[in-house]
Amino acid sequence: MDLNMLWYLVPSIVMFVAGVYGFLTRKNMIALLISLELMLNSADLNFVVFNRYLFPGSMEGMVFTLFAVAIAAAETAIAIAIIVNIYRAVGNTDINSVDKMKY
């Protein structure tokens, strides 16, 4: 493994672990969404790094990352719209309050 590659993989690992920790410990839907986006950005960084390391002349990893970022932006917009509707119905964005919408 190239030492220059390690300079990009360590922050990616830290971002992913922070995202998993935030996703497992938070109760707020916005915090969960931010943690999920952190994990997705970490995976995108890995796509670019491994593409540069395995295929130095090609751009497939970067193109795939651009599509992943576009899809993540659309997913975030839809998730925020859903969270706003839940906030209007329940009054907070706590995960434990979502089951109150059934009644």
Protein backbone atom coordinates (compact mmCIF):
# COMPACT_ATOMS: atom_id res chain seq x y z
CA MET A 1 0.00 0.00 0.00
CA ASP A 2 1.28 3.39 -0.93
CA LEU A 3 1.91 5.81 1.94
CA ASN A 4 0.17 8.62 0.04
CA MET A 5 -2.94 6.45 -0.20
CA LEU A 6 -2.93 6.04 3.57
CA TRP A 7 -3.23 9.82 4.01
CA TYR A 8 -6.64 9.59 2.33
CA LEU A 9 -7.85 6.32 3.81
CA VAL A 10 -7.32 7.27 7.46
CA PRO A 11 -9.68 10.30 7.31
CA SER A 12 -12.15 8.16 5.39
CA ILE A 13 -12.09 5.51 8.11
CA VAL A 14 -12.47 8.17 10.81
CA MET A 15 -15.43 9.70 8.95
CA PHE A 16 -17.10 6.32 8.55
CA VAL A 17 -16.63 5.34 12.20
CA ALA A 18 -17.94 8.75 13.33
CA GLY A 19 -20.97 8.27 11.07
CA VAL A 20 -21.71 4.79 12.42
CA TYR A 21 -21.31 6.01 16.00
CA GLY A 22 -23.62 8.96 15.37
CA PHE A 23 -26.18 6.77 13.63
CA LEU A 24 -26.27 4.26 16.47
CA THR A 25 -26.32 6.72 19.37
CA ARG A 26 -28.48 9.64 18.24
CA LYS A 27 -32.25 9.87 18.59
CA ASN A 28 -32.82 12.97 16.48
CA MET A 29 -33.71 12.37 12.83
CA ILE A 30 -31.59 15.26 11.57
CA ALA A 31 -28.54 13.89 13.43
CA LEU A 32 -29.22 10.47 11.91
CA LEU A 33 -29.37 12.02 8.45
CA ILE A 34 -26.08 13.86 9.00
CA SER A 35 -24.44 10.65 10.20
CA LEU A 36 -25.72 8.79 7.16
CA GLU A 37 -24.35 11.48 4.85
CA LEU A 38 -21.00 11.27 6.62
CA MET A 39 -20.85 7.54 5.91
CA LEU A 40 -21.80 8.09 2.26
CA ASN A 41 -19.10 10.75 1.84
CA SER A 42 -16.56 8.37 3.35
CA ALA A 43 -17.49 5.72 0.80
CA ASP A 44 -17.22 8.28 -2.01
CA LEU A 45 -13.74 9.21 -0.85
CA ASN A 46 -12.80 5.53 -0.94
CA PHE A 47 -14.07 5.24 -4.52
CA VAL A 48 -11.81 8.06 -5.64
CA VAL A 49 -8.75 6.85 -3.72
CA PHE A 50 -8.97 3.26 -4.90
CA ASN A 51 -9.66 4.34 -8.48
CA ARG A 52 -6.53 6.51 -8.39
CA TYR A 53 -4.48 3.70 -6.84
CA LEU A 54 -5.68 0.79 -9.02
CA PHE A 55 -6.31 2.56 -12.34
CA PRO A 56 -4.26 5.80 -12.39
CA GLY A 57 -5.28 6.84 -15.90
CA SER A 58 -9.03 6.31 -15.69
CA MET A 59 -11.79 8.43 -14.22
CA GLU A 60 -14.51 5.85 -13.47
CA GLY A 61 -14.25 6.21 -9.69
CA MET A 62 -14.61 9.96 -9.90
CA VAL A 63 -17.56 9.77 -12.27
CA PHE A 64 -19.23 7.21 -10.02
CA THR A 65 -18.61 9.50 -7.05
CA LEU A 66 -20.26 12.42 -8.85
CA PHE A 67 -23.36 10.31 -9.50
CA ALA A 68 -23.35 9.12 -5.87
CA VAL A 69 -23.16 12.71 -4.62
CA ALA A 70 -26.06 13.71 -6.88
CA ILE A 71 -28.18 10.80 -5.65
CA ALA A 72 -27.25 11.60 -2.02
CA ALA A 73 -28.35 15.22 -2.53
CA ALA A 74 -31.73 14.09 -3.86
CA GLU A 75 -32.08 11.59 -1.02
CA THR A 76 -31.27 14.30 1.52
CA ALA A 77 -33.88 16.66 0.07
CA ILE A 78 -36.56 13.97 0.28
CA ALA A 79 -35.49 12.96 3.80
CA ILE A 80 -35.62 16.56 5.02
CA ALA A 81 -39.12 16.94 3.54
CA ILE A 82 -40.23 13.80 5.36
CA ILE A 83 -38.65 15.02 8.61
CA VAL A 84 -40.42 18.40 8.29
CA ASN A 85 -43.76 16.62 7.84
CA ILE A 86 -43.07 14.42 10.87
CA TYR A 87 -42.19 17.53 12.89
CA ARG A 88 -45.48 19.16 11.89
CA ALA A 89 -47.46 16.08 12.86
CA VAL A 90 -45.70 15.12 16.10
CA GLY A 91 -43.98 18.30 17.30
CA ASN A 92 -40.41 16.98 17.53
CA THR A 93 -37.96 14.89 15.53
CA ASP A 94 -37.25 12.23 18.12
CA ILE A 95 -37.15 8.69 16.74
CA ASN A 96 -39.21 7.36 19.64
CA SER A 97 -42.05 9.80 18.82
CA VAL A 98 -42.60 8.44 15.31
CA ASP A 99 -44.70 5.54 16.55
CA LYS A 100 -47.26 8.08 17.83
CA MET A 101 -48.20 8.81 14.21
CA LYS A 102 -49.95 5.43 14.00
CA TYR A 103 -52.75 6.51 16.33
